[in-house]
Amino acid sequence: MAETDYAIACDATCDLPASFLGAAGVEFADAPLDGDDLGPATDAFERTYRALASRGLGRVVSLHSCATYSPLVDAARAAARRCAGEVEVAVIDSGSASVATGMLVDRAARYRYFDVDFTDAVAALLALAERARLLAVPSATARLTKRRRSRRGGLLSRATAGMRIRLTGDRGLYLLGGDNLTQLARSADLTVLSDRLAHALSSVSSREGALVYALAEGGDARVLRAAEAAISASGVTARCLGTVRAREASTEVLGPGSLALALAPEDAYERPVASLRGLGSAGSDSSE
């Protein structure tokens, strides 16, 4: 088998539309989540990996959002272990989520198209994952924000905080990278949150140079327009790769009307294919 004969797989948390995945030759694993039971999702990934192996694709790059966002990455790892004797699966945790994971899926398809071999592609994707991040404005009561809250305050304080958020309409701006979630701002004013989002983008650009970014909108055009206006007014050196509608898997985490913005340094995202040759020759440890 040639080193460039490998498959690429992902799940719905990358937020890329089916039309893109189909055109790019990316295998979509329809992995369901049933509460805390990862069994059905693990079974779905296992079926996907074995089906790819039956088509002569004995290596798979499987890309997923981080565990803070979705436990599907853990299901993928479990499925990869089950298939270890039949197919080699490199499970890559993006460290972030949504269209930041989508950026990695897009690059994986590009690397394969230009005949970057399996080990070099895995090494390049792991390197990009370290530099890609997600800025998110979830709904006020989104699951992502609930996961972050400390349990130390007790039931009464948590209930009071939840009531305050519902009454005031406060929303947060969060940064997700390296599987770490950080709140950057909180306000009921979309203009304030959008300005803080643009400021965060500018701050990264001032340290790391020109950026690329992509947006996933959760169905509220006002949030998207406010973010686009703030970014344009900021004058940040950043190029928009496009906007997609968030899939249901992300809407369940970020809530309806949410916004996610993935960003990465342009030099990392647009890395010349020639510079990837031999990148994985020293041995790259996938996170399977």
C-alpha atoms as a PDB file:
ATOM      1  CA  MET A   1       0.000   0.000   0.000  1.00  0.00           C
ATOM      2  CA  ALA A   2       1.307   3.445  -0.903  1.00  0.00           C
ATOM      3  CA  GLU A   3       1.813   5.908   1.942  1.00  0.00           C
ATOM      4  CA  THR A   4      -0.655   8.252   0.240  1.00  0.00           C
ATOM      5  CA  ASP A   5      -3.418   5.604   0.183  1.00  0.00           C
ATOM      6  CA  TYR A   6      -5.232   6.622   3.339  1.00  0.00           C
ATOM      7  CA  ALA A   7      -8.716   7.684   4.316  1.00  0.00           C
ATOM      8  CA  ILE A   8      -9.873  10.764   6.193  1.00  0.00           C
ATOM      9  CA  ALA A   9     -12.773  10.534   8.633  1.00  0.00           C
ATOM     10  CA  CYS A  10     -14.606  13.012  10.833  1.00  0.00           C
ATOM     11  CA  ASP A  11     -17.835  13.491  12.775  1.00  0.00           C
ATOM     12  CA  ALA A  12     -20.487  16.216  12.806  1.00  0.00           C
ATOM     13  CA  THR A  13     -18.660  18.446  15.308  1.00  0.00           C
ATOM     14  CA  CYS A  14     -16.409  19.802  12.514  1.00  0.00           C
ATOM     15  CA  ASP A  15     -19.442  21.767  11.221  1.00  0.00           C
ATOM     16  CA  LEU A  16     -18.473  21.264   7.572  1.00  0.00           C
ATOM     17  CA  PRO A  17     -21.423  20.635   5.244  1.00  0.00           C
ATOM     18  CA  ALA A  18     -22.000  17.245   3.670  1.00  0.00           C
ATOM     19  CA  SER A  19     -21.427  18.738   0.207  1.00  0.00           C
ATOM     20  CA  PHE A  20     -17.875  19.753   1.143  1.00  0.00           C
ATOM     21  CA  LEU A  21     -17.060  16.432   2.802  1.00  0.00           C
ATOM     22  CA  GLY A  22     -18.323  14.508  -0.204  1.00  0.00           C
ATOM     23  CA  ALA A  23     -16.367  16.610  -2.694  1.00  0.00           C
ATOM     24  CA  ALA A  24     -13.205  16.293  -0.591  1.00  0.00           C
ATOM     25  CA  GLY A  25     -13.543  12.527  -0.235  1.00  0.00           C
ATOM     26  CA  VAL A  26     -13.871  12.691   3.549  1.00  0.00           C
ATOM     27  CA  GLU A  27     -15.712   9.836   5.260  1.00  0.00           C
ATOM     28  CA  PHE A  28     -18.435  11.102   7.589  1.00  0.00           C
ATOM     29  CA  ALA A  29     -19.030   8.920  10.640  1.00  0.00           C
ATOM     30  CA  ASP A  30     -22.600   9.410  11.803  1.00  0.00           C
ATOM     31  CA  ALA A  31     -21.759   8.735  15.438  1.00  0.00           C
ATOM     32  CA  PRO A  32     -24.724   9.261  17.790  1.00  0.00           C
ATOM     33  CA  LEU A  33     -24.462  10.423  21.386  1.00  0.00           C
ATOM     34  CA  ASP A  34     -26.830   8.847  23.909  1.00  0.00           C
ATOM     35  CA  GLY A  35     -26.237  10.747  27.126  1.00  0.00           C
ATOM     36  CA  ASP A  36     -23.064   9.492  28.776  1.00  0.00           C
ATOM     37  CA  ASP A  37     -23.151   6.184  26.881  1.00  0.00           C
ATOM     38  CA  LEU A  38     -20.369   6.186  24.284  1.00  0.00           C
ATOM     39  CA  GLY A  39     -21.202   2.662  23.137  1.00  0.00           C
ATOM     40  CA  PRO A  40     -23.319   3.589  20.079  1.00  0.00           C
ATOM     41  CA  ALA A  41     -20.764   6.185  18.933  1.00  0.00           C
ATOM     42  CA  THR A  42     -17.872   3.759  19.403  1.00  0.00           C
ATOM     43  CA  ASP A  43     -19.748   1.156  17.366  1.00  0.00           C
ATOM     44  CA  ALA A  44     -20.378   3.711  14.602  1.00  0.00           C
ATOM     45  CA  PHE A  45     -16.700   4.654  14.389  1.00  0.00           C
ATOM     46  CA  GLU A  46     -15.693   0.998  14.383  1.00  0.00           C
ATOM     47  CA  ARG A  47     -18.054   0.299  11.475  1.00  0.00           C
ATOM     48  CA  THR A  48     -16.617   3.276   9.597  1.00  0.00           C
ATOM     49  CA  TYR A  49     -12.999   2.198  10.097  1.00  0.00           C
ATOM     50  CA  ARG A  50     -13.681  -1.430   9.162  1.00  0.00           C
ATOM     51  CA  ALA A  51     -15.642  -0.372   6.076  1.00  0.00           C
ATOM     52  CA  LEU A  52     -12.696   1.747   4.947  1.00  0.00           C
ATOM     53  CA  ALA A  53     -10.326  -1.172   5.526  1.00  0.00           C
ATOM     54  CA  SER A  54     -12.576  -3.415   3.426  1.00  0.00           C
ATOM     55  CA  ARG A  55     -12.096  -0.941   0.561  1.00  0.00           C
ATOM     56  CA  GLY A  56      -8.344  -1.352   0.783  1.00  0.00           C
ATOM     57  CA  LEU A  57      -7.704   1.731   2.918  1.00  0.00           C
ATOM     58  CA  GLY A  58      -5.679   0.371   5.801  1.00  0.00           C
ATOM     59  CA  ARG A  59      -4.763   3.776   7.240  1.00  0.00           C
ATOM     60  CA  VAL A  60      -7.190   6.413   8.485  1.00  0.00           C
ATOM     61  CA  VAL A  61      -6.700   9.977   9.704  1.00  0.00           C
ATOM     62  CA  SER A  62      -9.674  10.519  12.024  1.00  0.00           C
ATOM     63  CA  LEU A  63     -10.254  14.136  13.090  1.00  0.00           C
ATOM     64  CA  HIS A  64     -12.376  15.204  16.051  1.00  0.00           C
ATOM     65  CA  SER A  65     -13.200  18.101  18.356  1.00  0.00           C
ATOM     66  CA  CYS A  66     -11.718  18.109  21.852  1.00  0.00           C
ATOM     67  CA  ALA A  67     -13.277  16.323  24.820  1.00  0.00           C
ATOM     68  CA  THR A  68     -14.260  19.624  26.488  1.00  0.00           C
ATOM     69  CA  TYR A  69     -16.599  20.135  23.532  1.00  0.00           C
ATOM     70  CA  SER A  70     -17.675  16.580  22.744  1.00  0.00           C
ATOM     71  CA  PRO A  71     -16.828  13.082  24.038  1.00  0.00           C
ATOM     72  CA  LEU A  72     -16.865  11.688  20.492  1.00  0.00           C
ATOM     73  CA  VAL A  73     -13.059  11.852  20.366  1.00  0.00           C
ATOM     74  CA  ASP A  74     -12.964   9.301  23.197  1.00  0.00           C
ATOM     75  CA  ALA A  75     -15.347   7.050  21.274  1.00  0.00           C
ATOM     76  CA  ALA A  76     -13.091   7.314  18.215  1.00  0.00           C
ATOM     77  CA  ARG A  77     -10.069   6.294  20.284  1.00  0.00           C
ATOM     78  CA  ALA A  78     -11.940   3.287  21.670  1.00  0.00           C
ATOM     79  CA  ALA A  79     -12.985   2.243  18.161  1.00  0.00           C
ATOM     80  CA  ALA A  80      -9.414   2.635  16.899  1.00  0.00           C
ATOM     81  CA  ARG A  81      -8.203   0.245  19.613  1.00  0.00           C
ATOM     82  CA  ARG A  82     -10.829  -2.316  18.591  1.00  0.00           C
ATOM     83  CA  CYS A  83      -9.637  -2.163  14.977  1.00  0.00           C
ATOM     84  CA  ALA A  84      -5.917  -2.143  15.742  1.00  0.00           C
ATOM     85  CA  GLY A  85      -5.217  -5.461  14.018  1.00  0.00           C
ATOM     86  CA  GLU A  86      -7.092  -4.519  10.860  1.00  0.00           C
ATOM     87  CA  VAL A  87      -6.602  -0.805  10.232  1.00  0.00           C
ATOM     88  CA  GLU A  88      -4.176   1.850  11.491  1.00  0.00           C
ATOM     89  CA  VAL A  89      -6.163   4.813  12.782  1.00  0.00           C
ATOM     90  CA  ALA A  90      -4.510   8.095  13.785  1.00  0.00           C
ATOM     91  CA  VAL A  91      -7.089   9.797  16.001  1.00  0.00           C
ATOM     92  CA  ILE A  92      -6.331  13.512  16.052  1.00  0.00           C
ATOM     93  CA  ASP A  93      -7.829  15.723  18.748  1.00  0.00           C
ATOM     94  CA  SER A  94      -8.082  19.241  17.326  1.00  0.00           C
ATOM     95  CA  GLY A  95      -7.727  20.765  20.801  1.00  0.00           C
ATOM     96  CA  SER A  96     -10.664  22.988  19.884  1.00  0.00           C
ATOM     97  CA  ALA A  97     -13.934  22.426  18.036  1.00  0.00           C
ATOM     98  CA  SER A  98     -16.466  23.347  15.375  1.00  0.00           C
ATOM     99  CA  VAL A  99     -14.899  25.030  12.333  1.00  0.00           C
ATOM    100  CA  ALA A 100     -11.452  24.881  13.978  1.00  0.00           C
ATOM    101  CA  THR A 101     -11.766  21.107  13.628  1.00  0.00           C
ATOM    102  CA  GLY A 102     -13.111  21.791  10.145  1.00  0.00           C
ATOM    103  CA  MET A 103      -9.889  23.622   9.298  1.00  0.00           C
ATOM    104  CA  LEU A 104      -7.948  20.442  10.068  1.00  0.00           C
ATOM    105  CA  VAL A 105     -10.329  18.353   7.953  1.00  0.00           C
ATOM    106  CA  ASP A 106      -9.849  20.765   5.046  1.00  0.00           C
ATOM    107  CA  ARG A 107      -6.052  20.636   5.369  1.00  0.00           C
ATOM    108  CA  ALA A 108      -6.056  16.833   5.642  1.00  0.00           C
ATOM    109  CA  ALA A 109      -7.924  16.625   2.334  1.00  0.00           C
ATOM    110  CA  ARG A 110      -5.471  19.062   0.761  1.00  0.00           C
ATOM    111  CA  TYR A 111      -2.426  17.159   1.995  1.00  0.00           C
ATOM    112  CA  ARG A 112      -3.764  13.900   0.595  1.00  0.00           C
ATOM    113  CA  TYR A 113      -4.632  15.543  -2.724  1.00  0.00           C
ATOM    114  CA  PHE A 114      -1.014  16.680  -3.058  1.00  0.00           C
ATOM    115  CA  ASP A 115       0.302  13.218  -2.140  1.00  0.00           C
ATOM    116  CA  VAL A 116       1.615  14.048   1.325  1.00  0.00           C
ATOM    117  CA  ASP A 117       2.174  10.658   2.921  1.00  0.00           C
ATOM    118  CA  PHE A 118       0.295   9.384   5.962  1.00  0.00           C
ATOM    119  CA  THR A 119       2.943   9.985   8.637  1.00  0.00           C
ATOM    120  CA  ASP A 120       3.808  13.452   7.338  1.00  0.00           C
ATOM    121  CA  ALA A 121       0.127  14.418   7.127  1.00  0.00           C
ATOM    122  CA  VAL A 122      -0.482  13.289  10.712  1.00  0.00           C
ATOM    123  CA  ALA A 123       2.530  15.270  11.944  1.00  0.00           C
ATOM    124  CA  ALA A 124       1.409  18.377  10.039  1.00  0.00           C
ATOM    125  CA  LEU A 125      -2.141  18.141  11.372  1.00  0.00           C
ATOM    126  CA  LEU A 126      -0.938  17.745  14.955  1.00  0.00           C
ATOM    127  CA  ALA A 127       1.233  20.839  14.492  1.00  0.00           C
ATOM    128  CA  LEU A 128      -1.684  22.841  13.093  1.00  0.00           C
ATOM    129  CA  ALA A 129      -3.957  21.684  15.934  1.00  0.00           C
ATOM    130  CA  GLU A 130      -1.552  23.299  18.400  1.00  0.00           C
ATOM    131  CA  ARG A 131      -2.053  26.690  16.741  1.00  0.00           C
ATOM    132  CA  ALA A 132      -5.750  26.631  15.829  1.00  0.00           C
ATOM    133  CA  ARG A 133      -8.241  28.046  18.314  1.00  0.00           C
ATOM    134  CA  LEU A 134     -11.940  28.745  18.596  1.00  0.00           C
ATOM    135  CA  LEU A 135     -13.667  31.907  19.795  1.00  0.00           C
ATOM    136  CA  ALA A 136     -17.291  31.180  20.662  1.00  0.00           C
ATOM    137  CA  VAL A 137     -20.333  33.173  21.727  1.00  0.00           C
ATOM    138  CA  PRO A 138     -22.731  30.486  22.983  1.00  0.00           C
ATOM    139  CA  SER A 139     -26.341  31.051  23.967  1.00  0.00           C
ATOM    140  CA  ALA A 140     -26.861  32.099  27.587  1.00  0.00           C
ATOM    141  CA  THR A 141     -27.713  28.583  28.774  1.00  0.00           C
ATOM    142  CA  ALA A 142     -25.551  26.536  26.407  1.00  0.00           C
ATOM    143  CA  ARG A 143     -24.189  23.169  27.492  1.00  0.00           C
ATOM    144  CA  LEU A 144     -20.597  24.341  26.946  1.00  0.00           C
ATOM    145  CA  THR A 145     -20.928  27.062  29.594  1.00  0.00           C
ATOM    146  CA  LYS A 146     -22.591  24.674  32.048  1.00  0.00           C
ATOM    147  CA  ARG A 147     -19.669  22.275  31.748  1.00  0.00           C
ATOM    148  CA  ARG A 148     -17.301  25.038  32.732  1.00  0.00           C
ATOM    149  CA  ARG A 149     -19.036  26.142  35.916  1.00  0.00           C
ATOM    150  CA  SER A 150     -17.533  25.015  39.199  1.00  0.00           C
ATOM    151  CA  ARG A 151     -19.546  22.741  41.469  1.00  0.00           C
ATOM    152  CA  ARG A 152     -18.021  24.232  44.592  1.00  0.00           C
ATOM    153  CA  GLY A 153     -20.680  26.910  44.953  1.00  0.00           C
ATOM    154  CA  GLY A 154     -23.455  24.456  45.802  1.00  0.00           C
ATOM    155  CA  LEU A 155     -26.929  23.982  44.352  1.00  0.00           C
ATOM    156  CA  LEU A 156     -28.330  27.330  45.492  1.00  0.00           C
ATOM    157  CA  SER A 157     -25.544  29.442  44.015  1.00  0.00           C
ATOM    158  CA  ARG A 158     -25.654  27.520  40.731  1.00  0.00           C
ATOM    159  CA  ALA A 159     -29.428  27.946  40.517  1.00  0.00           C
ATOM    160  CA  THR A 160     -29.099  31.667  41.299  1.00  0.00           C
ATOM    161  CA  ALA A 161     -26.401  32.096  38.645  1.00  0.00           C
ATOM    162  CA  GLY A 162     -28.523  30.276  36.087  1.00  0.00           C
ATOM    163  CA  MET A 163     -31.549  32.452  36.892  1.00  0.00           C
ATOM    164  CA  ARG A 164     -29.449  35.643  36.615  1.00  0.00           C
ATOM    165  CA  ILE A 165     -28.188  34.623  33.184  1.00  0.00           C
ATOM    166  CA  ARG A 166     -31.706  33.850  31.951  1.00  0.00           C
ATOM    167  CA  LEU A 167     -33.127  37.126  33.302  1.00  0.00           C
ATOM    168  CA  THR A 168     -30.352  39.417  32.082  1.00  0.00           C
ATOM    169  CA  GLY A 169     -29.677  37.661  28.783  1.00  0.00           C
ATOM    170  CA  ASP A 170     -25.963  37.682  29.546  1.00  0.00           C
ATOM    171  CA  ARG A 171     -23.797  35.745  27.117  1.00  0.00           C
ATOM    172  CA  GLY A 172     -20.121  34.981  27.239  1.00  0.00           C
ATOM    173  CA  LEU A 173     -17.202  35.077  24.839  1.00  0.00           C
ATOM    174  CA  TYR A 174     -15.028  31.993  25.243  1.00  0.00           C
ATOM    175  CA  LEU A 175     -11.673  30.883  23.918  1.00  0.00           C
ATOM    176  CA  LEU A 176     -11.184  27.155  23.342  1.00  0.00           C
ATOM    177  CA  GLY A 177      -7.704  25.890  22.522  1.00  0.00           C
ATOM    178  CA  GLY A 178      -5.529  23.049  23.719  1.00  0.00           C
ATOM    179  CA  ASP A 179      -8.712  21.548  25.233  1.00  0.00           C
ATOM    180  CA  ASN A 180      -8.820  24.515  27.647  1.00  0.00           C
ATOM    181  CA  LEU A 181     -11.892  26.733  27.893  1.00  0.00           C
ATOM    182  CA  THR A 182     -11.437  30.344  29.040  1.00  0.00           C
ATOM    183  CA  GLN A 183     -14.097  33.023  29.415  1.00  0.00           C
ATOM    184  CA  LEU A 184     -12.898  36.319  27.932  1.00  0.00           C
ATOM    185  CA  ALA A 185     -15.983  38.481  28.416  1.00  0.00           C
ATOM    186  CA  ARG A 186     -19.638  38.497  29.479  1.00  0.00           C
ATOM    187  CA  SER A 187     -22.372  40.900  28.431  1.00  0.00           C
ATOM    188  CA  ALA A 188     -25.973  41.098  27.305  1.00  0.00           C
ATOM    189  CA  ASP A 189     -24.873  43.527  24.567  1.00  0.00           C
ATOM    190  CA  LEU A 190     -23.919  41.858  21.284  1.00  0.00           C
ATOM    191  CA  THR A 191     -21.888  44.898  20.260  1.00  0.00           C
ATOM    192  CA  VAL A 192     -19.724  44.589  23.372  1.00  0.00           C
ATOM    193  CA  LEU A 193     -19.156  40.870  22.803  1.00  0.00           C
ATOM    194  CA  SER A 194     -18.410  41.408  19.109  1.00  0.00           C
ATOM    195  CA  ASP A 195     -15.894  44.139  19.905  1.00  0.00           C
ATOM    196  CA  ARG A 196     -14.182  41.857  22.411  1.00  0.00           C
ATOM    197  CA  LEU A 197     -14.110  39.062  19.822  1.00  0.00           C
ATOM    198  CA  ALA A 198     -12.469  41.382  17.283  1.00  0.00           C
ATOM    199  CA  HIS A 199     -10.018  42.568  19.949  1.00  0.00           C
ATOM    200  CA  ALA A 200      -9.085  38.948  20.733  1.00  0.00           C
ATOM    201  CA  LEU A 201      -8.498  38.321  17.028  1.00  0.00           C
ATOM    202  CA  SER A 202      -6.313  41.429  16.793  1.00  0.00           C
ATOM    203  CA  SER A 203      -4.365  40.414  19.885  1.00  0.00           C
ATOM    204  CA  VAL A 204      -3.495  37.033  18.370  1.00  0.00           C
ATOM    205  CA  SER A 205      -2.559  38.676  15.068  1.00  0.00           C
ATOM    206  CA  SER A 206      -0.216  41.119  16.815  1.00  0.00           C
ATOM    207  CA  ARG A 207       1.698  38.169  18.290  1.00  0.00           C
ATOM    208  CA  GLU A 208       1.480  35.615  15.490  1.00  0.00           C
ATOM    209  CA  GLY A 209       1.066  37.598  12.285  1.00  0.00           C
ATOM    210  CA  ALA A 210      -1.618  37.386   9.614  1.00  0.00           C
ATOM    211  CA  LEU A 211      -4.505  35.054  10.387  1.00  0.00           C
ATOM    212  CA  VAL A 212      -7.125  33.029   8.590  1.00  0.00           C
ATOM    213  CA  TYR A 213     -10.525  32.493  10.167  1.00  0.00           C
ATOM    214  CA  ALA A 214     -13.828  30.770   9.504  1.00  0.00           C
ATOM    215  CA  LEU A 215     -17.268  31.250  11.013  1.00  0.00           C
ATOM    216  CA  ALA A 216     -20.073  28.894  12.014  1.00  0.00           C
ATOM    217  CA  GLU A 217     -23.380  30.593  12.741  1.00  0.00           C
ATOM    218  CA  GLY A 218     -26.147  29.030  14.775  1.00  0.00           C
ATOM    219  CA  GLY A 219     -29.146  30.641  13.123  1.00  0.00           C
ATOM    220  CA  ASP A 220     -29.127  34.238  14.413  1.00  0.00           C
ATOM    221  CA  ALA A 221     -28.107  36.635  11.641  1.00  0.00           C
ATOM    222  CA  ARG A 222     -27.761  39.512  14.140  1.00  0.00           C
ATOM    223  CA  VAL A 223     -24.892  37.781  15.937  1.00  0.00           C
ATOM    224  CA  LEU A 224     -23.109  37.046  12.669  1.00  0.00           C
ATOM    225  CA  ARG A 225     -23.549  40.609  11.350  1.00  0.00           C
ATOM    226  CA  ALA A 226     -22.310  42.136  14.604  1.00  0.00           C
ATOM    227  CA  ALA A 227     -19.175  39.986  14.559  1.00  0.00           C
ATOM    228  CA  GLU A 228     -18.457  40.699  10.889  1.00  0.00           C
ATOM    229  CA  ALA A 229     -18.859  44.453  11.438  1.00  0.00           C
ATOM    230  CA  ALA A 230     -16.556  44.455  14.474  1.00  0.00           C
ATOM    231  CA  ILE A 231     -13.856  42.473  12.666  1.00  0.00           C
ATOM    232  CA  SER A 232     -14.040  44.774   9.648  1.00  0.00           C
ATOM    233  CA  ALA A 233     -13.812  47.892  11.833  1.00  0.00           C
ATOM    234  CA  SER A 234     -10.847  46.511  13.785  1.00  0.00           C
ATOM    235  CA  GLY A 235      -8.585  46.439  10.723  1.00  0.00           C
ATOM    236  CA  VAL A 236      -7.080  43.137  11.842  1.00  0.00           C
ATOM    237  CA  THR A 237      -4.875  41.377   9.289  1.00  0.00           C
ATOM    238  CA  ALA A 238      -7.054  38.324   8.801  1.00  0.00           C
ATOM    239  CA  ARG A 239      -8.625  36.563   5.831  1.00  0.00           C
ATOM    240  CA  CYS A 240     -12.037  34.939   6.091  1.00  0.00           C
ATOM    241  CA  LEU A 241     -12.184  31.427   4.637  1.00  0.00           C
ATOM    242  CA  GLY A 242     -15.982  31.381   4.707  1.00  0.00           C
ATOM    243  CA  THR A 243     -19.089  30.940   6.828  1.00  0.00           C
ATOM    244  CA  VAL A 244     -21.058  27.745   7.404  1.00  0.00           C
ATOM    245  CA  ARG A 245     -24.273  26.942   9.235  1.00  0.00           C
ATOM    246  CA  ALA A 246     -23.507  25.050  12.433  1.00  0.00           C
ATOM    247  CA  ARG A 247     -24.603  21.432  12.414  1.00  0.00           C
ATOM    248  CA  GLU A 248     -27.003  20.098  15.023  1.00  0.00           C
ATOM    249  CA  ALA A 249     -24.134  18.520  16.991  1.00  0.00           C
ATOM    250  CA  SER A 250     -22.600  21.948  17.591  1.00  0.00           C
ATOM    251  CA  THR A 251     -25.921  23.671  18.204  1.00  0.00           C
ATOM    252  CA  GLU A 252     -26.539  21.174  21.006  1.00  0.00           C
ATOM    253  CA  VAL A 253     -23.293  22.309  22.665  1.00  0.00           C
ATOM    254  CA  LEU A 254     -23.265  26.048  21.897  1.00  0.00           C
ATOM    255  CA  GLY A 255     -27.013  26.593  21.761  1.00  0.00           C
ATOM    256  CA  PRO A 256     -29.243  28.131  19.082  1.00  0.00           C
ATOM    257  CA  GLY A 257     -28.180  31.569  17.902  1.00  0.00           C
ATOM    258  CA  SER A 258     -24.544  30.935  18.792  1.00  0.00           C
ATOM    259  CA  LEU A 259     -21.466  31.965  16.846  1.00  0.00           C
ATOM    260  CA  ALA A 260     -18.118  30.200  16.525  1.00  0.00           C
ATOM    261  CA  LEU A 261     -14.995  31.680  14.953  1.00  0.00           C
ATOM    262  CA  ALA A 262     -12.011  29.456  14.220  1.00  0.00           C
ATOM    263  CA  LEU A 263      -8.638  31.094  13.751  1.00  0.00           C
ATOM    264  CA  ALA A 264      -5.119  30.031  12.872  1.00  0.00           C
ATOM    265  CA  PRO A 265      -1.930  31.784  11.769  1.00  0.00           C
ATOM    266  CA  GLU A 266      -1.906  32.009   7.982  1.00  0.00           C
ATOM    267  CA  ASP A 267       1.644  30.653   7.776  1.00  0.00           C
ATOM    268  CA  ALA A 268       0.570  27.518   9.670  1.00  0.00           C
ATOM    269  CA  TYR A 269      -2.644  27.009   7.696  1.00  0.00           C
ATOM    270  CA  GLU A 270      -1.138  27.713   4.268  1.00  0.00           C
ATOM    271  CA  ARG A 271       2.079  25.815   4.926  1.00  0.00           C
ATOM    272  CA  PRO A 272       3.715  24.827   1.612  1.00  0.00           C
ATOM    273  CA  VAL A 273       3.261  21.157   0.836  1.00  0.00           C
ATOM    274  CA  ALA A 274       6.982  20.794   0.117  1.00  0.00           C
ATOM    275  CA  SER A 275       7.756  21.742   3.730  1.00  0.00           C
ATOM    276  CA  LEU A 276       5.737  18.758   4.983  1.00  0.00           C
ATOM    277  CA  ARG A 277       7.911  16.123   3.320  1.00  0.00           C
ATOM    278  CA  GLY A 278       9.696  14.111   5.992  1.00  0.00           C
ATOM    279  CA  LEU A 279       7.889  15.915   8.828  1.00  0.00           C
ATOM    280  CA  GLY A 280       6.743  12.641  10.344  1.00  0.00           C
ATOM    281  CA  SER A 281       9.934  10.685   9.693  1.00  0.00           C
ATOM    282  CA  ALA A 282      11.131  11.060  13.284  1.00  0.00           C
ATOM    283  CA  GLY A 283       7.941   9.332  14.423  1.00  0.00           C
ATOM    284  CA  SER A 284       4.725  11.084  15.298  1.00  0.00           C
ATOM    285  CA  ASP A 285       2.563   9.858  18.132  1.00  0.00           C
ATOM    286  CA  SER A 286      -1.092  10.191  17.270  1.00  0.00           C
ATOM    287  CA  SER A 287      -3.389  10.569  20.239  1.00  0.00           C
ATOM    288  CA  GLU A 288      -5.161   7.278  19.668  1.00  0.00           C
END
